[in-house]
Amino acid sequence: EKMVGEAGNVSISGDTNIIFPPQVKTKGHQIVVSLIRGQDLQKMDVIGSVDPFVEIEFGAAKVRSKIIKDNMNPKWTQKLYLPLSLPSVNDTIVGKLYDNDDLKKDDLMGSFKLSFKDVLAGKTKEPFWVQFYGSQQNSKEKYAELMDQHSELGTDWKGRILISVTSEDKDQPLATVKDMDEKEATAILSLPLKTRKWEIRLQAHFAMYLCDDNKHFTFVVKWGPHELRTKKVTSRNRLAEWFESIAPVIFEGPADLNQMPDIIVYHVS
């Protein structure tokens, strides 16, 4: 899809005018997504790095951030503006994280959804982390596309971005993207985020009714960029026994558990 606008980052598709009964009064409204930075974004290819950008969509409007070249911890410091009219028949703000590719189709790293009702209620006005999940590099194409499009199905953590979302009534709302001025960008990047120490432990006991005998099996536990892995054991009579405790990993993370990445457990043969 071709993006239009001053920086090639704005798209309006379809009919944006919804017909309401005469007694329903409509008014313009503006959604503002403050895209601050990303952290630990994962490479989509074996070689190279990540050239990330973010796309935000609401209804017929779609806006796209600038591309940060060769950076797994990008700092965008941009505001993405989306227009709408109230009352709105749509409640879902969709965000997608991409790895730009100049030679082929951009790689979708993952997606997220926000409720516009939560934005109106002021629940998203403070900066918060959005986690991304997608497919593993060895996933079959048809499964990979499904997992990349629907983050809740993803089995591989792809990184996270820090955003805030606000909205306000506006007579002539815009579909555009603007860089924060230097003072605002410096202030928002230096905001103290609420963090705490977290610890992840792994105790592996045994696995039963395995599909194969005389094969090596390992348990891998991932929590964001952190990983714990058991030793390899060989299955006998469809049973594998570890009885192993792995040294814990202690790290600094968001104080809000809802902003922490999911714990993903892999059973690897």
Protein backbone atom coordinates (compact mmCIF):
# COMPACT_ATOMS: atom_id res chain seq x y z
CA GLU A 1 0.00 0.00 0.00
CA LYS A 2 1.38 3.40 -0.93
CA MET A 3 1.74 5.91 1.88
CA VAL A 4 1.18 9.57 0.99
CA GLY A 5 1.79 12.90 2.67
CA GLU A 6 4.79 15.14 3.19
CA ALA A 7 7.13 12.38 4.39
CA GLY A 8 5.37 9.48 2.69
CA ASN A 9 3.98 8.39 6.04
CA VAL A 10 0.23 9.06 5.93
CA SER A 11 -2.54 7.02 4.32
CA ILE A 12 -6.30 7.62 4.23
CA SER A 13 -8.26 4.81 2.58
CA GLY A 14 -11.96 4.15 2.12
CA ASP A 15 -14.87 6.36 3.15
CA THR A 16 -14.19 8.24 6.36
CA ASN A 17 -17.67 9.79 6.53
CA ILE A 18 -20.16 7.73 8.51
CA ILE A 19 -23.78 8.83 8.12
CA PHE A 20 -25.56 9.32 11.45
CA PRO A 21 -29.22 10.27 12.09
CA PRO A 22 -29.83 14.05 12.13
CA GLN A 23 -30.34 14.07 15.90
CA VAL A 24 -26.80 12.72 16.48
CA LYS A 25 -24.27 15.56 16.63
CA THR A 26 -20.73 14.70 15.59
CA LYS A 27 -17.47 16.42 16.49
CA GLY A 28 -13.87 16.14 15.43
CA HIS A 29 -11.41 14.31 17.65
CA GLN A 30 -7.66 13.75 17.58
CA ILE A 31 -5.68 10.70 18.73
CA VAL A 32 -2.02 11.40 19.52
CA VAL A 33 0.41 8.49 19.87
CA SER A 34 3.74 9.53 21.40
CA LEU A 35 6.27 7.03 20.08
CA ILE A 36 9.27 7.31 22.38
CA ARG A 37 11.73 4.46 21.93
CA GLY A 38 12.25 0.74 21.42
CA GLN A 39 14.28 -1.74 23.40
CA ASP A 40 15.96 -5.06 22.52
CA LEU A 41 14.32 -5.33 19.11
CA GLN A 42 15.19 -8.70 17.60
CA LYS A 43 16.80 -9.29 14.21
CA MET A 44 14.49 -10.79 11.61
CA ASP A 45 17.34 -12.12 9.48
CA VAL A 46 20.39 -14.18 10.37
CA ILE A 47 22.69 -11.41 9.20
CA GLY A 48 22.34 -7.66 9.54
CA SER A 49 20.51 -5.65 12.16
CA VAL A 50 17.08 -4.03 12.45
CA ASP A 51 15.75 -0.94 10.62
CA PRO A 52 12.56 -0.47 12.66
CA PHE A 53 9.51 1.68 12.11
CA VAL A 54 6.01 1.69 13.62
CA GLU A 55 2.66 1.98 11.87
CA ILE A 56 -0.51 3.05 13.71
CA GLU A 57 -4.00 2.61 12.28
CA PHE A 58 -7.45 3.71 13.39
CA GLY A 59 -10.40 3.28 11.06
CA ALA A 60 -9.43 4.51 7.58
CA ALA A 61 -6.39 6.48 8.75
CA LYS A 62 -2.88 5.07 8.95
CA VAL A 63 0.32 6.87 9.94
CA ARG A 64 3.90 5.64 9.91
CA SER A 65 6.92 6.68 11.94
CA LYS A 66 10.36 7.41 10.52
CA ILE A 67 12.74 4.50 9.95
CA ILE A 68 15.67 4.21 12.34
CA LYS A 69 18.50 2.51 10.49
CA ASP A 70 20.57 -0.30 12.00
CA ASN A 71 19.35 0.12 15.59
CA MET A 72 17.94 -2.47 18.02
CA ASN A 73 17.28 0.27 20.63
CA PRO A 74 15.82 3.10 18.52
CA LYS A 75 14.76 6.51 19.79
CA TRP A 76 11.93 7.86 17.63
CA THR A 77 10.63 10.77 19.77
CA GLN A 78 7.74 11.36 17.36
CA LYS A 79 4.04 12.10 17.63
CA LEU A 80 1.67 10.22 15.33
CA TYR A 81 -1.70 11.94 14.80
CA LEU A 82 -4.88 10.09 13.81
CA PRO A 83 -8.20 11.85 13.03
CA LEU A 84 -11.71 10.66 13.82
CA SER A 85 -15.23 11.86 14.48
CA LEU A 86 -17.22 11.23 17.64
CA PRO A 87 -19.28 9.20 18.14
CA SER A 88 -16.99 6.57 16.63
CA VAL A 89 -18.09 3.15 15.41
CA ASN A 90 -14.51 1.91 15.81
CA ASP A 91 -12.83 1.13 19.14
CA THR A 92 -9.57 -0.49 18.10
CA ILE A 93 -6.23 1.24 17.59
CA VAL A 94 -3.86 -1.12 15.78
CA GLY A 95 -0.08 -0.78 15.93
CA LYS A 96 2.49 -2.74 13.94
CA LEU A 97 6.26 -2.95 14.27
CA TYR A 98 8.23 -3.50 11.05
CA ASP A 99 11.80 -4.10 10.00
CA ASN A 100 12.35 -2.03 6.86
CA ASP A 101 13.77 -3.82 3.84
CA ASP A 102 14.73 -1.77 0.78
CA LEU A 103 15.02 -4.81 -1.50
CA LYS A 104 11.89 -6.77 -0.59
CA LYS A 105 8.72 -6.59 1.49
CA ASP A 106 9.16 -5.11 4.97
CA ASP A 107 9.24 -7.75 7.71
CA LEU A 108 6.35 -7.57 10.17
CA MET A 109 7.83 -8.10 13.65
CA GLY A 110 4.55 -8.05 15.56
CA SER A 111 1.40 -6.09 16.31
CA PHE A 112 -0.68 -4.76 19.19
CA LYS A 113 -4.18 -3.44 19.81
CA LEU A 114 -5.43 -0.72 22.15
CA SER A 115 -8.99 0.16 23.09
CA PHE A 116 -10.01 3.71 22.19
CA LYS A 117 -12.27 3.64 25.25
CA ASP A 118 -9.14 3.22 27.41
CA VAL A 119 -7.58 6.23 25.67
CA LEU A 120 -10.69 8.34 26.34
CA ALA A 121 -10.61 7.23 29.98
CA GLY A 122 -7.02 8.44 30.32
CA LYS A 123 -5.60 4.96 31.00
CA THR A 124 -2.84 5.34 28.40
CA LYS A 125 -1.62 8.89 28.99
CA GLU A 126 1.47 7.83 30.95
CA PRO A 127 4.30 6.12 29.02
CA PHE A 128 3.98 2.32 29.02
CA TRP A 129 5.74 -0.62 27.37
CA VAL A 130 4.14 -2.62 24.56
CA GLN A 131 5.55 -6.12 24.05
CA PHE A 132 5.79 -7.72 20.60
CA TYR A 133 5.55 -11.42 19.78
CA GLY A 134 5.80 -13.16 16.45
CA SER A 135 7.06 -16.26 14.73
CA GLN A 136 10.39 -17.96 15.19
CA GLN A 137 12.78 -17.86 12.24
CA ASN A 138 12.27 -21.56 11.45
CA SER A 139 8.45 -21.39 11.46
CA LYS A 140 6.54 -22.53 8.38
CA GLU A 141 5.42 -19.60 6.25
CA LYS A 142 1.66 -20.06 6.76
CA TYR A 143 2.09 -20.26 10.55
CA ALA A 144 4.64 -17.46 10.62
CA GLU A 145 2.27 -15.02 8.91
CA LEU A 146 -0.53 -15.88 11.34
CA MET A 147 1.69 -15.41 14.40
CA ASP A 148 3.15 -12.14 13.11
CA GLN A 149 -0.32 -10.72 12.37
CA HIS A 150 -1.77 -11.85 15.72
CA SER A 151 0.70 -11.17 18.51
CA GLU A 152 -1.25 -13.29 21.01
CA LEU A 153 -0.33 -16.35 18.93
CA GLY A 154 3.37 -15.49 18.68
CA THR A 155 5.93 -17.86 20.19
CA ASP A 156 8.98 -15.59 19.99
CA TRP A 157 9.52 -12.28 21.80
CA LYS A 158 10.51 -9.54 19.33
CA GLY A 159 11.20 -6.63 21.69
CA ARG A 160 9.18 -3.76 23.10
CA ILE A 161 8.39 -0.10 22.49
CA LEU A 162 7.57 2.73 24.89
CA ILE A 163 4.53 4.81 23.98
CA SER A 164 1.77 6.96 25.43
CA VAL A 165 -1.61 7.68 23.84
CA THR A 166 -3.90 10.66 24.44
CA SER A 167 -6.83 12.25 22.63
CA GLU A 168 -8.73 15.53 22.56
CA ASP A 169 -11.61 17.22 20.76
CA LYS A 170 -10.41 19.10 17.69
CA ASP A 171 -12.42 20.87 14.98
CA GLN A 172 -10.02 19.82 12.22
CA PRO A 173 -8.11 16.72 13.34
CA LEU A 174 -5.01 15.76 11.36
CA ALA A 175 -3.44 12.63 9.95
CA THR A 176 0.25 13.42 10.22
CA VAL A 177 3.55 12.66 11.95
CA LYS A 178 5.71 15.23 13.71
CA ASP A 179 9.06 15.08 15.47
CA MET A 180 9.04 16.22 19.08
CA ASP A 181 11.03 19.40 19.60
CA GLU A 182 14.44 18.97 21.22
CA LYS A 183 13.29 20.10 24.67
CA GLU A 184 10.29 17.74 24.74
CA ALA A 185 12.32 14.83 23.34
CA THR A 186 15.05 15.28 25.96
CA ALA A 187 12.47 15.50 28.76
CA ILE A 188 10.51 12.41 27.70
CA LEU A 189 13.64 10.29 27.20
CA SER A 190 14.83 11.18 30.71
CA LEU A 191 11.51 10.40 32.42
CA PRO A 192 12.12 8.07 35.38
CA LEU A 193 10.20 4.85 34.74
CA LYS A 194 8.90 2.78 37.64
CA THR A 195 11.06 -0.34 37.84
CA ARG A 196 11.87 -3.12 40.27
CA LYS A 197 14.10 -6.18 40.52
CA TRP A 198 12.68 -9.41 39.10
CA GLU A 199 13.99 -12.94 39.40
CA ILE A 200 13.26 -15.90 37.16
CA ARG A 201 14.00 -19.46 38.28
CA LEU A 202 13.80 -22.78 36.50
CA GLN A 203 13.38 -26.20 38.09
CA ALA A 204 12.99 -29.03 35.59
CA HIS A 205 11.70 -32.36 36.92
CA PHE A 206 10.54 -34.79 34.24
CA ALA A 207 8.43 -35.12 31.09
CA MET A 208 6.13 -38.03 30.29
CA TYR A 209 4.45 -39.46 27.18
CA LEU A 210 6.99 -37.97 24.81
CA CYS A 211 6.48 -38.66 21.13
CA ASP A 212 9.99 -40.02 20.57
CA ASP A 213 12.43 -42.34 22.30
CA ASN A 214 16.23 -42.13 22.35
CA LYS A 215 16.17 -38.44 21.52
CA HIS A 216 17.77 -35.50 23.29
CA PHE A 217 15.32 -33.09 24.96
CA THR A 218 15.89 -29.66 26.51
CA PHE A 219 13.61 -27.18 28.28
CA VAL A 220 14.13 -23.52 27.42
CA VAL A 221 12.40 -20.71 29.31
CA LYS A 222 12.42 -17.17 27.88
CA TRP A 223 11.24 -13.98 29.56
CA GLY A 224 11.83 -11.11 27.17
CA PRO A 225 15.57 -11.03 26.35
CA HIS A 226 16.40 -13.41 29.24
CA GLU A 227 16.79 -17.15 28.81
CA LEU A 228 17.26 -20.22 31.01
CA ARG A 229 18.10 -23.62 29.52
CA THR A 230 18.36 -27.10 31.01
CA LYS A 231 20.90 -29.73 30.13
CA LYS A 232 20.10 -32.22 27.36
CA VAL A 233 18.69 -35.56 28.46
CA THR A 234 17.85 -38.67 26.45
CA SER A 235 14.33 -40.04 26.54
CA ARG A 236 13.71 -43.65 27.58
CA ASN A 237 10.30 -45.30 27.32
CA ARG A 238 8.89 -41.86 26.35
CA LEU A 239 10.15 -40.45 29.66
CA ALA A 240 12.84 -37.79 30.20
CA GLU A 241 14.17 -36.89 33.64
CA TRP A 242 16.10 -33.76 34.60
CA PHE A 243 15.67 -33.09 38.34
CA GLU A 244 17.70 -29.96 37.75
CA SER A 245 17.67 -26.46 39.27
CA ILE A 246 19.06 -23.66 37.10
CA ALA A 247 20.75 -20.65 38.68
CA PRO A 248 18.22 -17.76 38.72
CA VAL A 249 18.45 -14.68 36.52
CA ILE A 250 17.92 -11.33 38.30
CA PHE A 251 17.15 -8.26 36.20
CA GLU A 252 15.58 -4.79 36.30
CA GLY A 253 12.14 -4.55 34.74
CA PRO A 254 8.90 -2.53 34.82
CA ALA A 255 7.25 -2.41 38.25
CA ASP A 256 3.88 -3.07 36.63
CA LEU A 257 3.58 -6.80 35.96
CA ASN A 258 1.14 -6.06 33.11
CA GLN A 259 4.01 -4.40 31.22
CA MET A 260 6.32 -7.39 31.58
CA PRO A 261 6.82 -9.84 28.71
CA ASP A 262 5.14 -13.24 28.78
CA ILE A 263 7.09 -16.26 30.02
CA ILE A 264 7.46 -18.67 27.09
CA VAL A 265 8.46 -22.31 27.65
CA TYR A 266 9.95 -24.37 24.82
CA HIS A 267 10.34 -28.13 24.80
CA VAL A 268 13.19 -28.66 22.32
CA SER A 269 14.26 -31.97 20.80
